């Protein structure tokens, strides 16, 4: 939705003496903080069991290691977040965030995605 349309809707609501709520959030790094338990609970009953097992495998047992100027630091488990650069990640993010607008806005009459 173009920002101009949102601005018009806000102006009209103010002219009509209606309450107006604007909610904005920066989700650019939201999947970096993914908590697997919460994610799996969110998807329970939404996805087929076999698909869920694939996703669990995809997000589990991930490890990372930092190397700076040839010095390698200890290999560590990655307990949260999601693989970056995969074609699966945007789809998983959409599933994870599917109810955010509903929870944030409650009974609002106009929403923009």
PDB file of N, CA and C in Angstrom:
ATOM      1  N   UNK A   1       0.852  -1.178   0.000  1.00  0.00           N
ATOM      2  CA  UNK A   1       0.000   0.000   0.000  1.00  0.00           C
ATOM      3  C   UNK A   1       0.896   1.240   0.000  1.00  0.00           C
ATOM      4  N   UNK A   2       0.661   2.136  -0.934  1.00  0.00           N
ATOM      5  CA  UNK A   2       1.478   3.358  -0.989  1.00  0.00           C
ATOM      6  C   UNK A   2       1.269   4.221   0.254  1.00  0.00           C
ATOM      7  N   UNK A   3       2.323   4.873   0.683  1.00  0.00           N
ATOM      8  CA  UNK A   3       2.283   5.722   1.869  1.00  0.00           C
ATOM      9  C   UNK A   3       1.287   6.868   1.698  1.00  0.00           C
ATOM     10  N   UNK A   4       1.091   7.312   0.459  1.00  0.00           N
ATOM     11  CA  UNK A   4       0.141   8.402   0.194  1.00  0.00           C
ATOM     12  C   UNK A   4      -1.282   7.962   0.567  1.00  0.00           C
ATOM     13  N   UNK A   5      -1.637   6.724   0.254  1.00  0.00           N
ATOM     14  CA  UNK A   5      -2.968   6.211   0.606  1.00  0.00           C
ATOM     15  C   UNK A   5      -3.138   6.135   2.121  1.00  0.00           C
ATOM     16  N   UNK A   6      -2.098   5.699   2.803  1.00  0.00           N
ATOM     17  CA  UNK A   6      -2.157   5.638   4.268  1.00  0.00           C
ATOM     18  C   UNK A   6      -2.347   7.040   4.836  1.00  0.00           C
ATOM     19  N   UNK A   7      -1.609   8.001   4.289  1.00  0.00           N
ATOM     20  CA  UNK A   7      -1.733   9.391   4.744  1.00  0.00           C
ATOM     21  C   UNK A   7      -3.152   9.915   4.513  1.00  0.00           C
ATOM     22  N   UNK A   8      -3.735   9.608   3.353  1.00  0.00           N
ATOM     23  CA  UNK A   8      -5.117  10.040   3.067  1.00  0.00           C
ATOM     24  C   UNK A   8      -6.100   9.438   4.067  1.00  0.00           C
ATOM     25  N   UNK A   9      -5.939   8.136   4.350  1.00  0.00           N
ATOM     26  CA  UNK A   9      -6.835   7.472   5.296  1.00  0.00           C
ATOM     27  C   UNK A   9      -6.731   8.088   6.690  1.00  0.00           C
ATOM     28  N   UNK A  10      -5.522   8.402   7.118  1.00  0.00           N
ATOM     29  CA  UNK A  10      -5.334   9.039   8.425  1.00  0.00           C
ATOM     30  C   UNK A  10      -5.993  10.408   8.438  1.00  0.00           C
ATOM     31  N   UNK A  11      -5.777  11.198   7.389  1.00  0.00           N
ATOM     32  CA  UNK A  11      -6.375  12.534   7.317  1.00  0.00           C
ATOM     33  C   UNK A  11      -7.896  12.452   7.328  1.00  0.00           C
ATOM     34  N   UNK A  12      -8.467  11.515   6.576  1.00  0.00           N
ATOM     35  CA  UNK A  12      -9.925  11.351   6.540  1.00  0.00           C
ATOM     36  C   UNK A  12     -10.463  10.970   7.922  1.00  0.00           C
ATOM     37  N   UNK A  13      -9.791  10.036   8.581  1.00  0.00           N
ATOM     38  CA  UNK A  13     -10.227   9.641   9.930  1.00  0.00           C
ATOM     39  C   UNK A  13     -10.175  10.811  10.896  1.00  0.00           C
ATOM     40  N   UNK A  14      -9.127  11.610  10.804  1.00  0.00           N
ATOM     41  CA  UNK A  14      -9.030  12.776  11.685  1.00  0.00           C
ATOM     42  C   UNK A  14     -10.124  13.786  11.374  1.00  0.00           C
ATOM     43  N   UNK A  15     -10.404  14.013  10.083  1.00  0.00           N
ATOM     44  CA  UNK A  15     -11.490  14.914   9.693  1.00  0.00           C
ATOM     45  C   UNK A  15     -12.835  14.423  10.210  1.00  0.00           C
ATOM     46  N   UNK A  16     -13.015  13.091  10.208  1.00  0.00           N
ATOM     47  CA  UNK A  16     -14.275  12.488  10.666  1.00  0.00           C
ATOM     48  C   UNK A  16     -14.304  12.288  12.179  1.00  0.00           C
ATOM     49  N   UNK A  17     -13.289  12.817  12.874  1.00  0.00           N
ATOM     50  CA  UNK A  17     -13.183  12.709  14.343  1.00  0.00           C
ATOM     51  C   UNK A  17     -13.115  11.247  14.804  1.00  0.00           C
ATOM     52  N   UNK A  18     -12.494  10.402  13.994  1.00  0.00           N
ATOM     53  CA  UNK A  18     -12.309   8.992  14.352  1.00  0.00           C
ATOM     54  C   UNK A  18     -10.924   8.797  14.949  1.00  0.00           C
ATOM     55  N   UNK A  19     -10.837   7.830  15.830  1.00  0.00           N
ATOM     56  CA  UNK A  19      -9.531   7.480  16.386  1.00  0.00           C
ATOM     57  C   UNK A  19      -8.691   6.827  15.295  1.00  0.00           C
ATOM     58  N   UNK A  20      -7.399   7.124  15.303  1.00  0.00           N
ATOM     59  CA  UNK A  20      -6.502   6.563  14.305  1.00  0.00           C
ATOM     60  C   UNK A  20      -5.270   6.014  15.000  1.00  0.00           C
ATOM     61  N   UNK A  21      -4.939   4.789  14.658  1.00  0.00           N
ATOM     62  CA  UNK A  21      -3.763   4.139  15.219  1.00  0.00           C
ATOM     63  C   UNK A  21      -2.832   3.766  14.079  1.00  0.00           C
ATOM     64  N   UNK A  22      -1.584   4.137  14.220  1.00  0.00           N
ATOM     65  CA  UNK A  22      -0.580   3.753  13.237  1.00  0.00           C
ATOM     66  C   UNK A  22       0.433   2.884  13.963  1.00  0.00           C
ATOM     67  N   UNK A  23       0.629   1.692  13.446  1.00  0.00           N
ATOM     68  CA  UNK A  23       1.584   0.759  14.026  1.00  0.00           C
ATOM     69  C   UNK A  23       2.642   0.471  12.980  1.00  0.00           C
ATOM     70  N   UNK A  24       3.884   0.643  13.347  1.00  0.00           N
ATOM     71  CA  UNK A  24       4.979   0.390  12.429  1.00  0.00           C
ATOM     72  C   UNK A  24       6.072  -0.351  13.183  1.00  0.00           C
ATOM     73  N   UNK A  25       6.698  -1.284  12.523  1.00  0.00           N
ATOM     74  CA  UNK A  25       7.794  -1.993  13.172  1.00  0.00           C
ATOM     75  C   UNK A  25       8.859  -2.344  12.157  1.00  0.00           C
ATOM     76  N   UNK A  26      10.062  -2.430  12.636  1.00  0.00           N
ATOM     77  CA  UNK A  26      11.191  -2.801  11.791  1.00  0.00           C
ATOM     78  C   UNK A  26      11.456  -4.287  11.987  1.00  0.00           C
ATOM     79  N   UNK A  27      11.151  -5.076  10.981  1.00  0.00           N
ATOM     80  CA  UNK A  27      11.331  -6.519  11.068  1.00  0.00           C
ATOM     81  C   UNK A  27      12.536  -6.984  10.263  1.00  0.00           C
ATOM     82  N   UNK A  28      13.444  -6.082   9.972  1.00  0.00           N
ATOM     83  CA  UNK A  28      14.572  -6.436   9.110  1.00  0.00           C
ATOM     84  C   UNK A  28      15.473  -7.506   9.705  1.00  0.00           C
ATOM     85  N   UNK A  29      15.500  -7.611  11.023  1.00  0.00           N
ATOM     86  CA  UNK A  29      16.340  -8.632  11.657  1.00  0.00           C
ATOM     87  C   UNK A  29      15.514  -9.567  12.533  1.00  0.00           C
ATOM     88  N   UNK A  30      14.214  -9.605  12.312  1.00  0.00           N
ATOM     89  CA  UNK A  30      13.333 -10.377  13.188  1.00  0.00           C
ATOM     90  C   UNK A  30      13.653 -11.860  13.216  1.00  0.00           C
ATOM     91  N   UNK A  31      14.026 -12.419  12.088  1.00  0.00           N
ATOM     92  CA  UNK A  31      14.275 -13.860  12.057  1.00  0.00           C
ATOM     93  C   UNK A  31      15.614 -14.213  12.699  1.00  0.00           C
ATOM     94  N   UNK A  32      16.461 -13.221  12.921  1.00  0.00           N
ATOM     95  CA  UNK A  32      17.710 -13.473  13.632  1.00  0.00           C
ATOM     96  C   UNK A  32      17.448 -13.868  15.084  1.00  0.00           C
ATOM     97  N   UNK A  33      16.291 -13.502  15.591  1.00  0.00           N
ATOM     98  CA  UNK A  33      15.944 -13.785  16.981  1.00  0.00           C
ATOM     99  C   UNK A  33      14.922 -14.897  17.126  1.00  0.00           C
ATOM    100  N   UNK A  34      14.695 -15.645  16.073  1.00  0.00           N
ATOM    101  CA  UNK A  34      13.722 -16.736  16.080  1.00  0.00           C
ATOM    102  C   UNK A  34      13.997 -17.701  17.219  1.00  0.00           C
ATOM    103  N   UNK A  35      12.985 -17.974  17.998  1.00  0.00           N
ATOM    104  CA  UNK A  35      13.056 -18.993  19.053  1.00  0.00           C
ATOM    105  C   UNK A  35      12.366 -20.236  18.507  1.00  0.00           C
ATOM    106  N   UNK A  36      13.124 -21.317  18.375  1.00  0.00           N
ATOM    107  CA  UNK A  36      12.608 -22.511  17.717  1.00  0.00           C
ATOM    108  C   UNK A  36      11.360 -23.075  18.400  1.00  0.00           C
ATOM    109  N   UNK A  37      11.343 -23.105  19.739  1.00  0.00           N
ATOM    110  CA  UNK A  37      10.174 -23.653  20.440  1.00  0.00           C
ATOM    111  C   UNK A  37       8.914 -22.865  20.102  1.00  0.00           C
ATOM    112  N   UNK A  38       9.017 -21.552  20.119  1.00  0.00           N
ATOM    113  CA  UNK A  38       7.877 -20.701  19.789  1.00  0.00           C
ATOM    114  C   UNK A  38       7.447 -20.928  18.348  1.00  0.00           C
ATOM    115  N   UNK A  39       8.417 -21.008  17.466  1.00  0.00           N
ATOM    116  CA  UNK A  39       8.131 -21.216  16.049  1.00  0.00           C
ATOM    117  C   UNK A  39       7.407 -22.538  15.828  1.00  0.00           C
ATOM    118  N   UNK A  40       7.898 -23.602  16.425  1.00  0.00           N
ATOM    119  CA  UNK A  40       7.283 -24.910  16.235  1.00  0.00           C
ATOM    120  C   UNK A  40       5.881 -24.945  16.827  1.00  0.00           C
ATOM    121  N   UNK A  41       5.696 -24.262  17.955  1.00  0.00           N
ATOM    122  CA  UNK A  41       4.359 -24.187  18.556  1.00  0.00           C
ATOM    123  C   UNK A  41       3.406 -23.434  17.633  1.00  0.00           C
ATOM    124  N   UNK A  42       3.889 -22.371  17.004  1.00  0.00           N
ATOM    125  CA  UNK A  42       3.081 -21.577  16.081  1.00  0.00           C
ATOM    126  C   UNK A  42       2.628 -22.401  14.881  1.00  0.00           C
ATOM    127  N   UNK A  43       3.497 -23.273  14.405  1.00  0.00           N
ATOM    128  CA  UNK A  43       3.199 -24.050  13.194  1.00  0.00           C
ATOM    129  C   UNK A  43       2.472 -25.360  13.475  1.00  0.00           C
ATOM    130  N   UNK A  44       2.395 -25.747  14.742  1.00  0.00           N
ATOM    131  CA  UNK A  44       1.744 -27.010  15.080  1.00  0.00           C
ATOM    132  C   UNK A  44       0.292 -26.983  14.614  1.00  0.00           C
ATOM    133  N   UNK A  45      -0.096 -27.995  13.876  1.00  0.00           N
ATOM    134  CA  UNK A  45      -1.449 -28.072  13.356  1.00  0.00           C
ATOM    135  C   UNK A  45      -1.645 -27.329  12.036  1.00  0.00           C
ATOM    136  N   UNK A  46      -0.651 -26.526  11.639  1.00  0.00           N
ATOM    137  CA  UNK A  46      -0.742 -25.781  10.379  1.00  0.00           C
ATOM    138  C   UNK A  46      -0.092 -26.572   9.250  1.00  0.00           C
ATOM    139  N   UNK A  47       1.025 -27.195   9.564  1.00  0.00           N
ATOM    140  CA  UNK A  47       1.778 -27.934   8.558  1.00  0.00           C
ATOM    141  C   UNK A  47       1.691 -29.434   8.800  1.00  0.00           C
ATOM    142  N   UNK A  48       1.830 -30.185   7.740  1.00  0.00           N
ATOM    143  CA  UNK A  48       1.884 -31.640   7.789  1.00  0.00           C
ATOM    144  C   UNK A  48       3.061 -32.074   8.672  1.00  0.00           C
ATOM    145  N   UNK A  49       2.906 -33.191   9.383  1.00  0.00           N
ATOM    146  CA  UNK A  49       3.939 -33.677  10.302  1.00  0.00           C
ATOM    147  C   UNK A  49       5.276 -33.898   9.599  1.00  0.00           C
ATOM    148  N   UNK A  50       5.253 -34.455   8.391  1.00  0.00           N
ATOM    149  CA  UNK A  50       6.496 -34.704   7.655  1.00  0.00           C
ATOM    150  C   UNK A  50       7.204 -33.395   7.297  1.00  0.00           C
ATOM    151  N   UNK A  51       6.430 -32.390   6.903  1.00  0.00           N
ATOM    152  CA  UNK A  51       7.006 -31.072   6.580  1.00  0.00           C
ATOM    153  C   UNK A  51       7.595 -30.451   7.847  1.00  0.00           C
ATOM    154  N   UNK A  52       6.875 -30.571   8.965  1.00  0.00           N
ATOM    155  CA  UNK A  52       7.391 -30.044  10.234  1.00  0.00           C
ATOM    156  C   UNK A  52       8.728 -30.692  10.587  1.00  0.00           C
ATOM    157  N   UNK A  53       8.845 -32.009  10.376  1.00  0.00           N
ATOM    158  CA  UNK A  53      10.102 -32.696  10.676  1.00  0.00           C
ATOM    159  C   UNK A  53      11.252 -32.171   9.819  1.00  0.00           C
ATOM    160  N   UNK A  54      10.964 -31.860   8.560  1.00  0.00           N
ATOM    161  CA  UNK A  54      11.989 -31.292   7.680  1.00  0.00           C
ATOM    162  C   UNK A  54      12.428 -29.926   8.193  1.00  0.00           C
ATOM    163  N   UNK A  55      11.471 -29.106   8.599  1.00  0.00           N
ATOM    164  CA  UNK A  55      11.789 -27.773   9.115  1.00  0.00           C
ATOM    165  C   UNK A  55      12.568 -27.871  10.419  1.00  0.00           C
ATOM    166  N   UNK A  56      12.171 -28.795  11.294  1.00  0.00           N
ATOM    167  CA  UNK A  56      12.897 -28.995  12.552  1.00  0.00           C
ATOM    168  C   UNK A  56      14.353 -29.368  12.249  1.00  0.00           C
ATOM    169  N   UNK A  57      14.552 -30.287  11.304  1.00  0.00           N
ATOM    170  CA  UNK A  57      15.910 -30.671  10.916  1.00  0.00           C
ATOM    171  C   UNK A  57      16.686 -29.476  10.351  1.00  0.00           C
ATOM    172  N   UNK A  58      16.016 -28.662   9.546  1.00  0.00           N
ATOM    173  CA  UNK A  58      16.642 -27.499   8.932  1.00  0.00           C
ATOM    174  C   UNK A  58      17.138 -26.498   9.978  1.00  0.00           C
ATOM    175  N   UNK A  59      16.373 -26.331  11.062  1.00  0.00           N
ATOM    176  CA  UNK A  59      16.702 -25.329  12.080  1.00  0.00           C
ATOM    177  C   UNK A  59      17.504 -25.890  13.252  1.00  0.00           C
ATOM    178  N   UNK A  60      17.710 -27.190  13.299  1.00  0.00           N
ATOM    179  CA  UNK A  60      18.366 -27.818  14.452  1.00  0.00           C
ATOM    180  C   UNK A  60      19.834 -28.129  14.170  1.00  0.00           C
ATOM    181  N   UNK A  61      20.555 -28.272  15.271  1.00  0.00           N
ATOM    182  CA  UNK A  61      21.955 -28.698  15.217  1.00  0.00           C
ATOM    183  C   UNK A  61      22.824 -27.813  14.326  1.00  0.00           C
ATOM    184  N   UNK A  62      22.539 -26.516  14.334  1.00  0.00           N
ATOM    185  CA  UNK A  62      23.365 -25.600  13.551  1.00  0.00           C
ATOM    186  C   UNK A  62      24.529 -25.119  14.411  1.00  0.00           C
ATOM    187  N   UNK A  63      25.639 -24.909  13.787  1.00  0.00           N
ATOM    188  CA  UNK A  63      26.842 -24.474  14.493  1.00  0.00           C
ATOM    189  C   UNK A  63      27.451 -23.281  13.767  1.00  0.00           C
ATOM    190  N   UNK A  64      28.262 -22.524  14.492  1.00  0.00           N
ATOM    191  CA  UNK A  64      28.941 -21.388  13.885  1.00  0.00           C
ATOM    192  C   UNK A  64      30.331 -21.249  14.478  1.00  0.00           C
ATOM    193  N   UNK A  65      31.177 -20.614  13.706  1.00  0.00           N
ATOM    194  CA  UNK A  65      32.534 -20.357  14.159  1.00  0.00           C
ATOM    195  C   UNK A  65      32.991 -19.043  13.553  1.00  0.00           C
ATOM    196  N   UNK A  66      33.645 -18.248  14.351  1.00  0.00           N
ATOM    197  CA  UNK A  66      34.157 -16.959  13.889  1.00  0.00           C
ATOM    198  C   UNK A  66      35.655 -17.109  13.625  1.00  0.00           C
ATOM    199  N   UNK A  67      36.080 -16.529  12.510  1.00  0.00           N
ATOM    200  CA  UNK A  67      37.504 -16.527  12.181  1.00  0.00           C
ATOM    201  C   UNK A  67      37.895 -15.102  11.839  1.00  0.00           C
ATOM    202  N   UNK A  68      38.911 -14.600  12.540  1.00  0.00           N
ATOM    203  CA  UNK A  68      39.383 -13.232  12.309  1.00  0.00           C
ATOM    204  C   UNK A  68      40.890 -13.296  12.091  1.00  0.00           C
ATOM    205  N   UNK A  69      41.314 -12.802  10.940  1.00  0.00           N
ATOM    206  CA  UNK A  69      42.734 -12.761  10.586  1.00  0.00           C
ATOM    207  C   UNK A  69      43.418 -14.097  10.827  1.00  0.00           C
ATOM    208  N   UNK A  70      42.770 -15.170  10.381  1.00  0.00           N
ATOM    209  CA  UNK A  70      43.364 -16.496  10.475  1.00  0.00           C
ATOM    210  C   UNK A  70      43.219 -17.178  11.824  1.00  0.00           C
ATOM    211  N   UNK A  71      42.674 -16.492  12.801  1.00  0.00           N
ATOM    212  CA  UNK A  71      42.472 -17.083  14.134  1.00  0.00           C
ATOM    213  C   UNK A  71      41.035 -17.571  14.226  1.00  0.00           C
ATOM    214  N   UNK A  72      40.879 -18.887  14.450  1.00  0.00           N
ATOM    215  CA  UNK A  72      39.551 -19.484  14.569  1.00  0.00           C
ATOM    216  C   UNK A  72      39.155 -19.585  16.032  1.00  0.00           C
ATOM    217  N   UNK A  73      37.958 -19.142  16.328  1.00  0.00           N
ATOM    218  CA  UNK A  73      37.436 -19.226  17.679  1.00  0.00           C
ATOM    219  C   UNK A  73      36.633 -20.520  17.844  1.00  0.00           C
ATOM    220  N   UNK A  74      36.245 -20.815  19.046  1.00  0.00           N
ATOM    221  CA  UNK A  74      35.561 -22.066  19.364  1.00  0.00           C
ATOM    222  C   UNK A  74      34.264 -22.226  18.568  1.00  0.00           C
ATOM    223  N   UNK A  75      34.051 -23.437  18.069  1.00  0.00           N
ATOM    224  CA  UNK A  75      32.809 -23.791  17.394  1.00  0.00           C
ATOM    225  C   UNK A  75      31.685 -23.782  18.424  1.00  0.00           C
ATOM    226  N   UNK A  76      30.570 -23.109  18.107  1.00  0.00           N
ATOM    227  CA  UNK A  76      29.457 -22.980  19.056  1.00  0.00           C
ATOM    228  C   UNK A  76      28.135 -23.359  18.409  1.00  0.00           C
ATOM    229  N   UNK A  77      27.210 -23.809  19.248  1.00  0.00           N
ATOM    230  CA  UNK A  77      25.850 -24.090  18.791  1.00  0.00           C
ATOM    231  C   UNK A  77      25.115 -22.784  18.536  1.00  0.00           C
ATOM    232  N   UNK A  78      24.258 -22.780  17.536  1.00  0.00           N
ATOM    233  CA  UNK A  78      23.388 -21.638  17.263  1.00  0.00           C
ATOM    234  C   UNK A  78      22.006 -22.033  17.772  1.00  0.00           C
ATOM    235  N   UNK A  79      21.598 -21.427  18.888  1.00  0.00           N
ATOM    236  CA  UNK A  79      20.353 -21.822  19.552  1.00  0.00           C
ATOM    237  C   UNK A  79      19.131 -21.037  19.091  1.00  0.00           C
ATOM    238  N   UNK A  80      19.345 -19.947  18.371  1.00  0.00           N
ATOM    239  CA  UNK A  80      18.220 -19.158  17.881  1.00  0.00           C
ATOM    240  C   UNK A  80      18.575 -18.568  16.533  1.00  0.00           C
ATOM    241  N   UNK A  81      17.600 -17.995  15.893  1.00  0.00           N
ATOM    242  CA  UNK A  81      17.817 -17.440  14.566  1.00  0.00           C
ATOM    243  C   UNK A  81      17.552 -18.481  13.497  1.00  0.00           C
ATOM    244  N   UNK A  82      17.723 -18.087  12.281  1.00  0.00           N
ATOM    245  CA  UNK A  82      17.439 -18.964  11.151  1.00  0.00           C
ATOM    246  C   UNK A  82      18.523 -18.793  10.103  1.00  0.00           C
ATOM    247  N   UNK A  83      18.751 -19.834   9.349  1.00  0.00           N
ATOM    248  CA  UNK A  83      19.730 -19.820   8.262  1.00  0.00           C
ATOM    249  C   UNK A  83      19.463 -18.614   7.352  1.00  0.00           C
ATOM    250  N   UNK A  84      20.511 -17.926   6.969  1.00  0.00           N
ATOM    251  CA  UNK A  84      20.358 -16.762   6.100  1.00  0.00           C
ATOM    252  C   UNK A  84      20.625 -17.151   4.652  1.00  0.00           C
ATOM    253  N   UNK A  85      19.867 -16.595   3.735  1.00  0.00           N
ATOM    254  CA  UNK A  85      20.109 -16.785   2.316  1.00  0.00           C
ATOM    255  C   UNK A  85      19.387 -17.969   1.699  1.00  0.00           C
ATOM    256  N   UNK A  86      18.661 -18.722   2.473  1.00  0.00           N
ATOM    257  CA  UNK A  86      17.930 -19.862   1.937  1.00  0.00           C
ATOM    258  C   UNK A  86      16.608 -19.399   1.342  1.00  0.00           C
ATOM    259  N   UNK A  87      16.148 -20.080   0.294  1.00  0.00           N
ATOM    260  CA  UNK A  87      14.850 -19.729  -0.287  1.00  0.00           C
ATOM    261  C   UNK A  87      13.708 -20.115   0.644  1.00  0.00           C
ATOM    262  N   UNK A  88      13.961 -20.989   1.596  1.00  0.00           N
ATOM    263  CA  UNK A  88      12.942 -21.421   2.543  1.00  0.00           C
ATOM    264  C   UNK A  88      12.670 -20.371   3.624  1.00  0.00           C
ATOM    265  N   UNK A  89      13.671 -19.583   3.961  1.00  0.00           N
ATOM    266  CA  UNK A  89      13.558 -18.645   5.084  1.00  0.00           C
ATOM    267  C   UNK A  89      12.422 -17.627   4.931  1.00  0.00           C
ATOM    268  N   UNK A  90      12.252 -16.953   3.784  1.00  0.00           N
ATOM    269  CA  UNK A  90      11.140 -16.002   3.684  1.00  0.00           C
ATOM    270  C   UNK A  90       9.774 -16.660   3.880  1.00  0.00           C
ATOM    271  N   UNK A  91       9.635 -17.880   3.400  1.00  0.00           N
ATOM    272  CA  UNK A  91       8.357 -18.595   3.583  1.00  0.00           C
ATOM    273  C   UNK A  91       8.137 -18.955   5.048  1.00  0.00           C
ATOM    274  N   UNK A  92       9.189 -19.387   5.710  1.00  0.00           N
ATOM    275  CA  UNK A  92       9.083 -19.687   7.144  1.00  0.00           C
ATOM    276  C   UNK A  92       8.750 -18.426   7.928  1.00  0.00           C
ATOM    277  N   UNK A  93       9.375 -17.315   7.545  1.00  0.00           N
ATOM    278  CA  UNK A  93       9.113 -16.042   8.219  1.00  0.00           C
ATOM    279  C   UNK A  93       7.647 -15.646   8.061  1.00  0.00           C
ATOM    280  N   UNK A  94       7.097 -15.802   6.871  1.00  0.00           N
ATOM    281  CA  UNK A  94       5.685 -15.470   6.638  1.00  0.00           C
ATOM    282  C   UNK A  94       4.779 -16.330   7.508  1.00  0.00           C
ATOM    283  N   UNK A  95       5.084 -17.604   7.646  1.00  0.00           N
ATOM    284  CA  UNK A  95       4.293 -18.474   8.515  1.00  0.00           C
ATOM    285  C   UNK A  95       4.407 -18.037   9.971  1.00  0.00           C
ATOM    286  N   UNK A  96       5.619 -17.710  10.373  1.00  0.00           N
ATOM    287  CA  UNK A  96       5.877 -17.303  11.764  1.00  0.00           C
ATOM    288  C   UNK A  96       5.134 -16.018  12.120  1.00  0.00           C
ATOM    289  N   UNK A  97       5.059 -15.096  11.162  1.00  0.00           N
ATOM    290  CA  UNK A  97       4.487 -13.775  11.437  1.00  0.00           C
ATOM    291  C   UNK A  97       3.021 -13.655  11.025  1.00  0.00           C
ATOM    292  N   UNK A  98       2.391 -14.722  10.624  1.00  0.00           N
ATOM    293  CA  UNK A  98       1.054 -14.652  10.022  1.00  0.00           C
ATOM    294  C   UNK A  98      -0.013 -14.046  10.921  1.00  0.00           C
ATOM    295  N   UNK A  99       0.132 -14.109  12.222  1.00  0.00           N
ATOM    296  CA  UNK A  99      -0.891 -13.564  13.122  1.00  0.00           C
ATOM    297  C   UNK A  99      -0.485 -12.257  13.790  1.00  0.00           C
ATOM    298  N   UNK A 100       0.670 -11.725  13.455  1.00  0.00           N
ATOM    299  CA  UNK A 100       1.150 -10.515  14.127  1.00  0.00           C
ATOM    300  C   UNK A 100       0.199  -9.343  13.938  1.00  0.00           C
ATOM    301  N   UNK A 101      -0.262  -9.110  12.721  1.00  0.00           N
ATOM    302  CA  UNK A 101      -1.169  -7.996  12.460  1.00  0.00           C
ATOM    303  C   UNK A 101      -2.447  -8.139  13.265  1.00  0.00           C
ATOM    304  N   UNK A 102      -2.994  -9.320  13.307  1.00  0.00           N
ATOM    305  CA  UNK A 102      -4.229  -9.566  14.055  1.00  0.00           C
ATOM    306  C   UNK A 102      -4.036  -9.262  15.536  1.00  0.00           C
ATOM    307  N   UNK A 103      -2.928  -9.699  16.114  1.00  0.00           N
ATOM    308  CA  UNK A 103      -2.678  -9.459  17.535  1.00  0.00           C
ATOM    309  C   UNK A 103      -2.379  -7.978  17.815  1.00  0.00           C
ATOM    310  N   UNK A 104      -1.647  -7.339  16.911  1.00  0.00           N
ATOM    311  CA  UNK A 104      -1.260  -5.949  17.135  1.00  0.00           C
ATOM    312  C   UNK A 104      -2.433  -4.994  16.959  1.00  0.00           C
ATOM    313  N   UNK A 105      -3.326  -5.266  16.024  1.00  0.00           N
ATOM    314  CA  UNK A 105      -4.380  -4.319  15.695  1.00  0.00           C
ATOM    315  C   UNK A 105      -5.735  -4.650  16.287  1.00  0.00           C
ATOM    316  N   UNK A 106      -5.917  -5.865  16.767  1.00  0.00           N
ATOM    317  CA  UNK A 106      -7.197  -6.231  17.358  1.00  0.00           C
ATOM    318  C   UNK A 106      -8.339  -6.111  16.362  1.00  0.00           C
ATOM    319  N   UNK A 107      -9.272  -5.195  16.615  1.00  0.00           N
ATOM    320  CA  UNK A 107     -10.463  -5.056  15.783  1.00  0.00           C
ATOM    321  C   UNK A 107     -10.398  -3.866  14.820  1.00  0.00           C
ATOM    322  N   UNK A 108      -9.211  -3.452  14.443  1.00  0.00           N
ATOM    323  CA  UNK A 108      -9.097  -2.315  13.527  1.00  0.00           C
ATOM    324  C   UNK A 108      -9.782  -2.627  12.199  1.00  0.00           C
ATOM    325  N   UNK A 109     -10.340  -1.595  11.597  1.00  0.00           N
ATOM    326  CA  UNK A 109     -11.097  -1.816  10.358  1.00  0.00           C
ATOM    327  C   UNK A 109     -10.238  -1.766   9.110  1.00  0.00           C
ATOM    328  N   UNK A 110      -9.131  -1.037   9.129  1.00  0.00           N
ATOM    329  CA  UNK A 110      -8.265  -0.933   7.960  1.00  0.00           C
ATOM    330  C   UNK A 110      -6.872  -1.370   8.352  1.00  0.00           C
ATOM    331  N   UNK A 111      -6.315  -2.323   7.591  1.00  0.00           N
ATOM    332  CA  UNK A 111      -4.941  -2.756   7.842  1.00  0.00           C
ATOM    333  C   UNK A 111      -4.182  -2.745   6.527  1.00  0.00           C
ATOM    334  N   UNK A 112      -2.914  -2.524   6.614  1.00  0.00           N
ATOM    335  CA  UNK A 112      -2.041  -2.521   5.447  1.00  0.00           C
ATOM    336  C   UNK A 112      -0.969  -3.567   5.671  1.00  0.00           C
ATOM    337  N   UNK A 113      -0.673  -4.319   4.636  1.00  0.00           N
ATOM    338  CA  UNK A 113       0.384  -5.332   4.768  1.00  0.00           C
ATOM    339  C   UNK A 113       1.556  -4.977   3.887  1.00  0.00           C
TER     340      UNK A 113
END
